[in-house]
Amino acid sequence: MIRSAIRALSRKRLYEVSAAFWTDAELNTWIDNGCDDIAFRTKCIRDNGKMTTVSGTQEYTLSTTFPTLNTVLEVYYLKGGTTWEKLDSTTREELNKTDRGWKSALAGTPDRYYWDREEDIIAFYPKPDTTNAGTDYAEVYYGVKHTPIAADDSAIDIPYQLHLAVIEFVVATGLDTRGWGDKSNDAWQKYYTKVHEYMVERNREREDDDIVMKSYKNI
């Protein structure tokens, strides 16, 4: 749906078909806020790209290469400059337990990565050596931030299955501003239910794909 359609449906749910109490600008902001929240919760907007690594360097600022990144989903590495392999995800806490002194370990072939949202970094362990570093040696699959809607005739960039959830977000936010707690709570519940149903269905589809692939491989 385009922004004007979402706003119109939201106004109907708020029993205000014209901008008598809530301005269009307010509702437009809430539409963007809803899309932001949905994109973060569901990781429904996705992209991928490659990044350059440097021999002996462990940590890299992610936003420099991927300014729209919301969440890291998968990371692949060009090991030895010839073979792409998926890296396992880890954390600093886990490395502290399993690989004591890991920050001082010799450079080599990365087999794990960790990502810190707040610090805006991705790191590889072991840190790459000269054979395992270079332009486009790491490939990151990631969730993308919602792009603010520029005009009323512009469509939102989240999947259509979640458009009604955006309306619930706007309605819940609007009712909150009027202090109508019970009605607001009902709208929030509908919002979270729609988001949850989307994620359940997406996971079911992926499980079905896994079953099909396993059956195909066993033929």
C-alpha atoms as a PDB file:
ATOM      1  CA  MET A   1       0.000   0.000   0.000  1.00  0.00           C
ATOM      2  CA  ILE A   2       1.013   3.587  -0.517  1.00  0.00           C
ATOM      3  CA  ARG A   3       1.308   5.973   2.415  1.00  0.00           C
ATOM      4  CA  SER A   4      -1.955   7.807   1.740  1.00  0.00           C
ATOM      5  CA  ALA A   5      -3.874   4.499   1.784  1.00  0.00           C
ATOM      6  CA  ILE A   6      -2.318   3.421   5.068  1.00  0.00           C
ATOM      7  CA  ARG A   7      -3.044   6.808   6.586  1.00  0.00           C
ATOM      8  CA  ALA A   8      -6.663   6.738   5.390  1.00  0.00           C
ATOM      9  CA  LEU A   9      -7.267   3.260   6.833  1.00  0.00           C
ATOM     10  CA  SER A  10      -5.605   4.300  10.076  1.00  0.00           C
ATOM     11  CA  ARG A  11      -7.920   7.305  10.335  1.00  0.00           C
ATOM     12  CA  LYS A  12     -10.962   5.073   9.867  1.00  0.00           C
ATOM     13  CA  ARG A  13      -9.761   2.892  12.725  1.00  0.00           C
ATOM     14  CA  LEU A  14      -9.255   6.041  14.806  1.00  0.00           C
ATOM     15  CA  TYR A  15     -12.772   7.275  13.883  1.00  0.00           C
ATOM     16  CA  GLU A  16     -11.312  10.426  12.406  1.00  0.00           C
ATOM     17  CA  VAL A  17     -11.548  10.575   8.606  1.00  0.00           C
ATOM     18  CA  SER A  18     -10.190  14.133   8.471  1.00  0.00           C
ATOM     19  CA  ALA A  19      -7.277  15.742  10.300  1.00  0.00           C
ATOM     20  CA  ALA A  20      -9.365  17.107  13.163  1.00  0.00           C
ATOM     21  CA  PHE A  21      -7.138  15.901  15.988  1.00  0.00           C
ATOM     22  CA  TRP A  22      -4.177  14.048  14.483  1.00  0.00           C
ATOM     23  CA  THR A  23      -2.357  15.824  11.663  1.00  0.00           C
ATOM     24  CA  ASP A  24      -1.204  14.054   8.519  1.00  0.00           C
ATOM     25  CA  ALA A  25       2.371  14.790   9.569  1.00  0.00           C
ATOM     26  CA  GLU A  26       1.843  12.974  12.872  1.00  0.00           C
ATOM     27  CA  LEU A  27       0.376   9.916  11.180  1.00  0.00           C
ATOM     28  CA  ASN A  28       3.139   9.934   8.570  1.00  0.00           C
ATOM     29  CA  THR A  29       5.727   9.864  11.361  1.00  0.00           C
ATOM     30  CA  TRP A  30       3.956   6.968  13.050  1.00  0.00           C
ATOM     31  CA  ILE A  31       3.799   5.071   9.749  1.00  0.00           C
ATOM     32  CA  ASP A  32       7.575   5.397   9.426  1.00  0.00           C
ATOM     33  CA  ASN A  33       8.004   4.427  13.087  1.00  0.00           C
ATOM     34  CA  GLY A  34       5.874   1.337  12.552  1.00  0.00           C
ATOM     35  CA  CYS A  35       7.863   0.313   9.495  1.00  0.00           C
ATOM     36  CA  ASP A  36      11.090   0.860  11.450  1.00  0.00           C
ATOM     37  CA  ASP A  37       9.871  -1.367  14.279  1.00  0.00           C
ATOM     38  CA  ILE A  38       8.647  -4.095  11.934  1.00  0.00           C
ATOM     39  CA  ALA A  39      11.882  -4.093   9.936  1.00  0.00           C
ATOM     40  CA  PHE A  40      13.846  -4.469  13.176  1.00  0.00           C
ATOM     41  CA  ARG A  41      11.650  -7.203  14.661  1.00  0.00           C
ATOM     42  CA  THR A  42      11.148  -9.332  11.550  1.00  0.00           C
ATOM     43  CA  LYS A  43      14.295  -8.652   9.479  1.00  0.00           C
ATOM     44  CA  CYS A  44      11.915  -8.604   6.510  1.00  0.00           C
ATOM     45  CA  ILE A  45      13.974  -6.178   4.391  1.00  0.00           C
ATOM     46  CA  ARG A  46      17.240  -7.790   3.360  1.00  0.00           C
ATOM     47  CA  ASP A  47      20.349  -7.218   1.314  1.00  0.00           C
ATOM     48  CA  ASN A  48      23.912  -8.462   1.023  1.00  0.00           C
ATOM     49  CA  GLY A  49      27.263  -7.084   0.079  1.00  0.00           C
ATOM     50  CA  LYS A  50      30.990  -7.637   0.268  1.00  0.00           C
ATOM     51  CA  MET A  51      33.548  -5.896   2.438  1.00  0.00           C
ATOM     52  CA  THR A  52      37.319  -5.553   2.383  1.00  0.00           C
ATOM     53  CA  THR A  53      39.462  -7.092   5.108  1.00  0.00           C
ATOM     54  CA  VAL A  54      43.016  -6.221   6.101  1.00  0.00           C
ATOM     55  CA  SER A  55      45.741  -8.601   7.194  1.00  0.00           C
ATOM     56  CA  GLY A  56      46.160  -8.524  10.977  1.00  0.00           C
ATOM     57  CA  THR A  57      42.994  -6.471  11.555  1.00  0.00           C
ATOM     58  CA  GLN A  58      40.285  -8.102  13.651  1.00  0.00           C
ATOM     59  CA  GLU A  59      37.497  -5.517  14.001  1.00  0.00           C
ATOM     60  CA  TYR A  60      35.753  -3.426  11.319  1.00  0.00           C
ATOM     61  CA  THR A  61      33.148  -0.661  11.480  1.00  0.00           C
ATOM     62  CA  LEU A  62      30.067  -2.005   9.722  1.00  0.00           C
ATOM     63  CA  SER A  63      28.179   1.201   8.991  1.00  0.00           C
ATOM     64  CA  THR A  64      31.082   2.413   6.884  1.00  0.00           C
ATOM     65  CA  THR A  65      30.416  -0.326   4.350  1.00  0.00           C
ATOM     66  CA  PHE A  66      26.723  -1.020   5.001  1.00  0.00           C
ATOM     67  CA  PRO A  67      25.033   2.221   6.127  1.00  0.00           C
ATOM     68  CA  THR A  68      21.508   0.740   5.962  1.00  0.00           C
ATOM     69  CA  LEU A  69      22.370  -2.375   7.982  1.00  0.00           C
ATOM     70  CA  ASN A  70      19.934  -3.263  10.741  1.00  0.00           C
ATOM     71  CA  THR A  71      20.968  -6.816  11.686  1.00  0.00           C
ATOM     72  CA  VAL A  72      23.695  -9.228  10.590  1.00  0.00           C
ATOM     73  CA  LEU A  73      22.147 -12.518   9.450  1.00  0.00           C
ATOM     74  CA  GLU A  74      24.927 -14.547   7.840  1.00  0.00           C
ATOM     75  CA  VAL A  75      28.602 -14.066   7.004  1.00  0.00           C
ATOM     76  CA  TYR A  76      30.668 -15.886   4.386  1.00  0.00           C
ATOM     77  CA  TYR A  77      34.431 -15.670   3.937  1.00  0.00           C
ATOM     78  CA  LEU A  78      36.704 -16.219   0.943  1.00  0.00           C
ATOM     79  CA  LYS A  79      39.145 -18.565   2.626  1.00  0.00           C
ATOM     80  CA  GLY A  80      42.571 -18.666   1.044  1.00  0.00           C
ATOM     81  CA  GLY A  81      41.241 -16.343  -1.628  1.00  0.00           C
ATOM     82  CA  THR A  82      39.604 -19.299  -3.383  1.00  0.00           C
ATOM     83  CA  THR A  83      36.745 -20.878  -1.414  1.00  0.00           C
ATOM     84  CA  TRP A  84      33.645 -19.245   0.055  1.00  0.00           C
ATOM     85  CA  GLU A  85      32.600 -20.754   3.383  1.00  0.00           C
ATOM     86  CA  LYS A  86      29.994 -19.731   5.922  1.00  0.00           C
ATOM     87  CA  LEU A  87      31.424 -18.538   9.239  1.00  0.00           C
ATOM     88  CA  ASP A  88      30.001 -19.553  12.601  1.00  0.00           C
ATOM     89  CA  SER A  89      28.645 -16.776  14.789  1.00  0.00           C
ATOM     90  CA  THR A  90      30.205 -16.235  18.214  1.00  0.00           C
ATOM     91  CA  THR A  91      30.590 -13.561  20.880  1.00  0.00           C
ATOM     92  CA  ARG A  92      33.489 -12.099  22.823  1.00  0.00           C
ATOM     93  CA  GLU A  93      32.131 -13.776  25.946  1.00  0.00           C
ATOM     94  CA  GLU A  94      32.146 -17.175  24.247  1.00  0.00           C
ATOM     95  CA  LEU A  95      35.662 -16.662  22.884  1.00  0.00           C
ATOM     96  CA  ASN A  96      36.849 -15.728  26.363  1.00  0.00           C
ATOM     97  CA  LYS A  97      35.667 -19.142  27.550  1.00  0.00           C
ATOM     98  CA  THR A  98      36.682 -21.320  24.604  1.00  0.00           C
ATOM     99  CA  ASP A  99      39.807 -19.578  23.276  1.00  0.00           C
ATOM    100  CA  ARG A 100      41.598 -17.844  26.119  1.00  0.00           C
ATOM    101  CA  GLY A 101      43.985 -15.183  24.810  1.00  0.00           C
ATOM    102  CA  TRP A 102      42.145 -15.071  21.503  1.00  0.00           C
ATOM    103  CA  LYS A 103      42.808 -11.369  20.995  1.00  0.00           C
ATOM    104  CA  SER A 104      46.533 -12.116  20.915  1.00  0.00           C
ATOM    105  CA  ALA A 105      46.241 -15.181  18.681  1.00  0.00           C
ATOM    106  CA  LEU A 106      48.245 -15.298  15.473  1.00  0.00           C
ATOM    107  CA  ALA A 107      46.539 -14.255  12.251  1.00  0.00           C
ATOM    108  CA  GLY A 108      45.181 -17.088  10.137  1.00  0.00           C
ATOM    109  CA  THR A 109      42.046 -18.270   8.368  1.00  0.00           C
ATOM    110  CA  PRO A 110      38.855 -16.847   9.916  1.00  0.00           C
ATOM    111  CA  ASP A 111      36.271 -19.451  10.902  1.00  0.00           C
ATOM    112  CA  ARG A 112      34.102 -17.366  13.261  1.00  0.00           C
ATOM    113  CA  TYR A 113      32.765 -13.851  13.499  1.00  0.00           C
ATOM    114  CA  TYR A 114      31.085 -11.736  16.116  1.00  0.00           C
ATOM    115  CA  TRP A 115      28.922  -8.675  15.674  1.00  0.00           C
ATOM    116  CA  ASP A 116      28.093  -5.937  18.162  1.00  0.00           C
ATOM    117  CA  ARG A 117      25.157  -3.701  17.252  1.00  0.00           C
ATOM    118  CA  GLU A 118      25.871  -1.007  19.846  1.00  0.00           C
ATOM    119  CA  GLU A 119      29.567  -0.790  18.999  1.00  0.00           C
ATOM    120  CA  ASP A 120      28.852  -1.009  15.246  1.00  0.00           C
ATOM    121  CA  ILE A 121      31.596  -3.564  14.641  1.00  0.00           C
ATOM    122  CA  ILE A 122      32.086  -6.941  13.062  1.00  0.00           C
ATOM    123  CA  ALA A 123      35.164  -8.967  13.948  1.00  0.00           C
ATOM    124  CA  PHE A 124      36.771 -12.128  12.595  1.00  0.00           C
ATOM    125  CA  TYR A 125      38.528 -14.863  14.512  1.00  0.00           C
ATOM    126  CA  PRO A 126      41.250 -15.663  13.892  1.00  0.00           C
ATOM    127  CA  LYS A 127      42.049 -12.272  12.408  1.00  0.00           C
ATOM    128  CA  PRO A 128      42.931 -12.731   8.718  1.00  0.00           C
ATOM    129  CA  ASP A 129      46.501 -13.200   7.577  1.00  0.00           C
ATOM    130  CA  THR A 130      47.903 -12.094   4.204  1.00  0.00           C
ATOM    131  CA  THR A 131      46.448 -15.149   2.441  1.00  0.00           C
ATOM    132  CA  ASN A 132      42.988 -14.468   3.825  1.00  0.00           C
ATOM    133  CA  ALA A 133      42.628 -10.704   3.445  1.00  0.00           C
ATOM    134  CA  GLY A 134      41.779  -8.424   0.597  1.00  0.00           C
ATOM    135  CA  THR A 135      39.089  -6.653  -1.353  1.00  0.00           C
ATOM    136  CA  ASP A 136      35.645  -8.320  -1.077  1.00  0.00           C
ATOM    137  CA  TYR A 137      36.915 -11.185   1.084  1.00  0.00           C
ATOM    138  CA  ALA A 138      33.900 -11.093   3.404  1.00  0.00           C
ATOM    139  CA  GLU A 139      30.261 -11.262   2.320  1.00  0.00           C
ATOM    140  CA  VAL A 140      27.562 -10.113   4.747  1.00  0.00           C
ATOM    141  CA  TYR A 141      23.860 -10.930   4.494  1.00  0.00           C
ATOM    142  CA  TYR A 142      21.904  -8.476   6.579  1.00  0.00           C
ATOM    143  CA  GLY A 143      18.556  -7.017   7.531  1.00  0.00           C
ATOM    144  CA  VAL A 144      18.011  -3.506   6.214  1.00  0.00           C
ATOM    145  CA  LYS A 145      16.553  -0.446   7.904  1.00  0.00           C
ATOM    146  CA  HIS A 146      13.255   0.919   6.653  1.00  0.00           C
ATOM    147  CA  THR A 147      13.617   3.835   4.228  1.00  0.00           C
ATOM    148  CA  PRO A 148      11.502   6.837   5.303  1.00  0.00           C
ATOM    149  CA  ILE A 149       8.548   7.384   2.959  1.00  0.00           C
ATOM    150  CA  ALA A 150       8.996  10.530   0.912  1.00  0.00           C
ATOM    151  CA  ALA A 151       5.522  11.053  -0.569  1.00  0.00           C
ATOM    152  CA  ASP A 152       1.880  10.028  -0.187  1.00  0.00           C
ATOM    153  CA  ASP A 153       1.968   8.045  -3.441  1.00  0.00           C
ATOM    154  CA  SER A 154       5.079   6.115  -2.373  1.00  0.00           C
ATOM    155  CA  ALA A 155       4.736   2.500  -1.235  1.00  0.00           C
ATOM    156  CA  ILE A 156       6.233   1.321   2.043  1.00  0.00           C
ATOM    157  CA  ASP A 157       9.182  -1.026   1.639  1.00  0.00           C
ATOM    158  CA  ILE A 158       8.105  -3.850   3.948  1.00  0.00           C
ATOM    159  CA  PRO A 159       6.288  -6.959   2.577  1.00  0.00           C
ATOM    160  CA  TYR A 160       2.581  -6.500   1.869  1.00  0.00           C
ATOM    161  CA  GLN A 161       1.736  -9.200   4.446  1.00  0.00           C
ATOM    162  CA  LEU A 162       2.785  -6.704   7.132  1.00  0.00           C
ATOM    163  CA  HIS A 163       0.976  -3.617   5.860  1.00  0.00           C
ATOM    164  CA  LEU A 164      -1.990  -4.165   8.161  1.00  0.00           C
ATOM    165  CA  ALA A 165       0.434  -4.380  11.074  1.00  0.00           C
ATOM    166  CA  VAL A 166       1.601  -0.851  10.235  1.00  0.00           C
ATOM    167  CA  ILE A 167      -1.986   0.342  10.533  1.00  0.00           C
ATOM    168  CA  GLU A 168      -2.299  -1.277  13.964  1.00  0.00           C
ATOM    169  CA  PHE A 169       0.919   0.447  15.039  1.00  0.00           C
ATOM    170  CA  VAL A 170      -0.408   3.842  13.952  1.00  0.00           C
ATOM    171  CA  VAL A 171      -3.776   3.245  15.627  1.00  0.00           C
ATOM    172  CA  ALA A 172      -2.170   2.079  18.881  1.00  0.00           C
ATOM    173  CA  THR A 173       0.165   5.071  18.952  1.00  0.00           C
ATOM    174  CA  GLY A 174      -2.680   7.484  18.240  1.00  0.00           C
ATOM    175  CA  LEU A 175      -4.877   6.021  20.951  1.00  0.00           C
ATOM    176  CA  ASP A 176      -1.947   6.239  23.372  1.00  0.00           C
ATOM    177  CA  THR A 177      -1.715   9.969  22.741  1.00  0.00           C
ATOM    178  CA  ARG A 178      -5.364  10.350  23.800  1.00  0.00           C
ATOM    179  CA  GLY A 179      -4.894   8.315  26.955  1.00  0.00           C
ATOM    180  CA  TRP A 180      -7.303   5.592  25.842  1.00  0.00           C
ATOM    181  CA  GLY A 181      -5.407   2.750  27.469  1.00  0.00           C
ATOM    182  CA  ASP A 182      -7.804  -0.149  26.901  1.00  0.00           C
ATOM    183  CA  LYS A 183      -8.331   0.622  23.219  1.00  0.00           C
ATOM    184  CA  SER A 184      -4.629   1.242  22.764  1.00  0.00           C
ATOM    185  CA  ASN A 185      -3.705  -2.063  24.410  1.00  0.00           C
ATOM    186  CA  ASP A 186      -6.105  -3.861  22.090  1.00  0.00           C
ATOM    187  CA  ALA A 187      -4.468  -2.282  19.044  1.00  0.00           C
ATOM    188  CA  TRP A 188      -0.985  -3.107  20.336  1.00  0.00           C
ATOM    189  CA  GLN A 189      -2.035  -6.734  20.855  1.00  0.00           C
ATOM    190  CA  LYS A 190      -3.297  -6.885  17.269  1.00  0.00           C
ATOM    191  CA  TYR A 191      -0.028  -5.361  16.093  1.00  0.00           C
ATOM    192  CA  TYR A 192       2.167  -7.882  17.895  1.00  0.00           C
ATOM    193  CA  THR A 193      -0.093 -10.733  16.764  1.00  0.00           C
ATOM    194  CA  LYS A 194       0.245  -9.760  13.110  1.00  0.00           C
ATOM    195  CA  VAL A 195       4.024  -9.482  13.419  1.00  0.00           C
ATOM    196  CA  HIS A 196       4.187 -12.848  15.193  1.00  0.00           C
ATOM    197  CA  GLU A 197       1.977 -14.537  12.587  1.00  0.00           C
ATOM    198  CA  TYR A 198       4.224 -13.272   9.810  1.00  0.00           C
ATOM    199  CA  MET A 199       7.318 -14.675  11.498  1.00  0.00           C
ATOM    200  CA  VAL A 200       5.636 -18.025  12.196  1.00  0.00           C
ATOM    201  CA  GLU A 201       4.559 -18.376   8.577  1.00  0.00           C
ATOM    202  CA  ARG A 202       7.980 -17.365   7.293  1.00  0.00           C
ATOM    203  CA  ASN A 203       9.666 -19.956   9.498  1.00  0.00           C
ATOM    204  CA  ARG A 204       7.166 -22.597   8.364  1.00  0.00           C
ATOM    205  CA  GLU A 205       7.937 -21.848   4.725  1.00  0.00           C
ATOM    206  CA  ARG A 206      11.651 -22.208   5.400  1.00  0.00           C
ATOM    207  CA  GLU A 207      11.089 -25.528   7.161  1.00  0.00           C
ATOM    208  CA  ASP A 208       9.082 -26.731   4.158  1.00  0.00           C
ATOM    209  CA  ASP A 209      11.918 -25.669   1.854  1.00  0.00           C
ATOM    210  CA  ASP A 210      14.380 -27.613   3.994  1.00  0.00           C
ATOM    211  CA  ILE A 211      12.184 -30.724   3.742  1.00  0.00           C
ATOM    212  CA  VAL A 212      11.960 -30.379  -0.039  1.00  0.00           C
ATOM    213  CA  MET A 213      15.719 -29.929  -0.363  1.00  0.00           C
ATOM    214  CA  LYS A 214      16.450 -32.931   1.865  1.00  0.00           C
ATOM    215  CA  SER A 215      14.056 -35.104  -0.140  1.00  0.00           C
ATOM    216  CA  TYR A 216      15.618 -33.897  -3.390  1.00  0.00           C
ATOM    217  CA  LYS A 217      19.111 -34.710  -2.163  1.00  0.00           C
ATOM    218  CA  ASN A 218      18.021 -38.201  -1.133  1.00  0.00           C
ATOM    219  CA  ILE A 219      16.667 -39.118  -4.577  1.00  0.00           C
END
